[in-house]
């Protein structure tokens, strides 16, 4: 189960999925396969800010997540939102984004949670553990209204797994499932695919998928369902 935690463990998250730049560095773009089957790219831009709180200077760190927009041979940053953290059942942290109507939402704001609860769809990004997920939650009448009924919430997502934190070779699990509060999923759509041409890395990820792919998919679905159970529709 995932639970909210206000302490943002940025350094832990980015250690598990590198590619973060400061404002003066060259941006590194991490490739991933999206839910429409296309290859997209994500970057992380980190900065520090200082503020006076109760007469004392305090430093905070923020990480902006951007998606690449292609203009010819040039990639231009299209900001998605600022990285936040969720604490997992394993007592570690994943970096996340919640996006509604193309706007990143602060998941620690109660009004934003209510917005997602009533929304007919929202997007979710997750980073860490050498994986990158993009998911879309959708429901005809509203996320929580349909989650509590037999209609359910449709979850379409890709999770990309990177061996040795590779920027070239990875495998992608495409998952399509309906989530309901009171019923386990009847069917799980699961399709793996592979990107890259490094012989050793490809052998590694094919073996990883064969041994653990379906089990990871089920665990991944449980994690995303816990977002509805514990955060959005609790």
Foldseek 3Di string as FASTA:
>chain_A
DKDDDQDFPVVQQCVQAPQEEEPPDDGDWFWDQWLVRDIWTKTKYKDKDWDADPNDIDIDMKIWMFIFDDDPPDTDTDTQGIWGWIQDPVRDIKTKFKADPSHTDDLVDPVVLQVQQQDQKIWMWIGGNQKIKIKMKGFDGGQQVCQADPRAIWIWMKMWHDVVSDRFKIKIWTWIFGHHPPDDTPDIDIDMDITHDDPVRVVVRVVVCVVCVVVVVVVVVVVVNVCCVHRNND
